[in-house]
Amino acid sequence: MHQTLTPAGPARPSAAEANEAIRLLVETRVDGEWPSEAYEFLLTEWADGSHAEVSAGR
């Protein structure tokens, strides 16, 4: 019998959720410093979410 494994980690955010997180990050940054590492991480999450949504739509 074949079993399907459930992922151990949290699900990736959708593109819309990642986009909202990017907006919040930009709007709430402190000291005028650009949060490059956080922005890069969220941008990658957004791109992955966008890709998944496009692939699912095919």
Protein backbone atom coordinates (compact mmCIF):
# COMPACT_ATOMS: atom_id res chain seq x y z
CA MET A 1 0.00 0.00 0.00
CA HIS A 2 1.29 3.46 -0.93
CA GLN A 3 1.23 6.22 1.69
CA THR A 4 1.33 9.92 0.94
CA LEU A 5 3.56 11.90 3.28
CA THR A 6 2.40 15.18 4.71
CA PRO A 7 4.99 17.99 4.59
CA ALA A 8 6.52 18.66 8.02
CA GLY A 9 6.95 22.41 7.59
CA PRO A 10 4.44 25.20 7.11
CA ALA A 11 2.87 25.73 3.72
CA ARG A 12 4.32 28.43 1.53
CA PRO A 13 2.32 31.64 1.37
CA SER A 14 0.32 32.48 -1.70
CA ALA A 15 1.59 35.23 -3.97
CA ALA A 16 -1.04 37.58 -2.51
CA GLU A 17 0.06 36.80 1.06
CA ALA A 18 3.72 37.34 0.21
CA ASN A 19 2.85 40.57 -1.60
CA GLU A 20 0.99 41.83 1.49
CA ALA A 21 3.99 40.94 3.67
CA ILE A 22 6.28 42.90 1.31
CA ARG A 23 3.99 45.93 1.53
CA LEU A 24 3.91 45.72 5.32
CA LEU A 25 7.70 45.40 5.47
CA VAL A 26 8.19 48.48 3.29
CA GLU A 27 5.58 50.54 5.14
CA THR A 28 6.88 49.71 8.63
CA ARG A 29 10.64 49.87 8.11
CA VAL A 30 12.54 51.75 10.79
CA ASP A 31 15.36 54.30 10.62
CA GLY A 32 15.10 54.64 6.85
CA GLU A 33 17.15 51.45 6.44
CA TRP A 34 16.20 49.14 3.61
CA PRO A 35 15.59 45.60 4.98
CA SER A 36 17.32 43.89 2.06
CA GLU A 37 17.53 40.36 3.51
CA ALA A 38 13.87 40.30 4.55
CA TYR A 39 12.81 41.86 1.26
CA GLU A 40 14.81 39.32 -0.75
CA PHE A 41 13.27 36.43 1.24
CA LEU A 42 9.72 37.73 0.74
CA LEU A 43 10.34 38.43 -2.94
CA THR A 44 11.44 34.81 -3.39
CA GLU A 45 8.29 33.63 -1.57
CA TRP A 46 6.17 35.86 -3.83
CA ALA A 47 7.87 34.53 -6.98
CA ASP A 48 7.40 30.92 -5.83
CA GLY A 49 3.76 31.61 -5.01
CA SER A 50 3.19 33.28 -8.38
CA HIS A 51 4.82 30.38 -10.20
CA ALA A 52 2.69 27.85 -8.31
CA GLU A 53 -0.50 29.76 -9.13
CA VAL A 54 0.36 29.98 -12.82
CA SER A 55 1.30 26.29 -12.96
CA ALA A 56 -1.96 25.31 -11.23
CA GLY A 57 -3.92 27.35 -13.77
CA ARG A 58 -2.64 25.38 -16.76
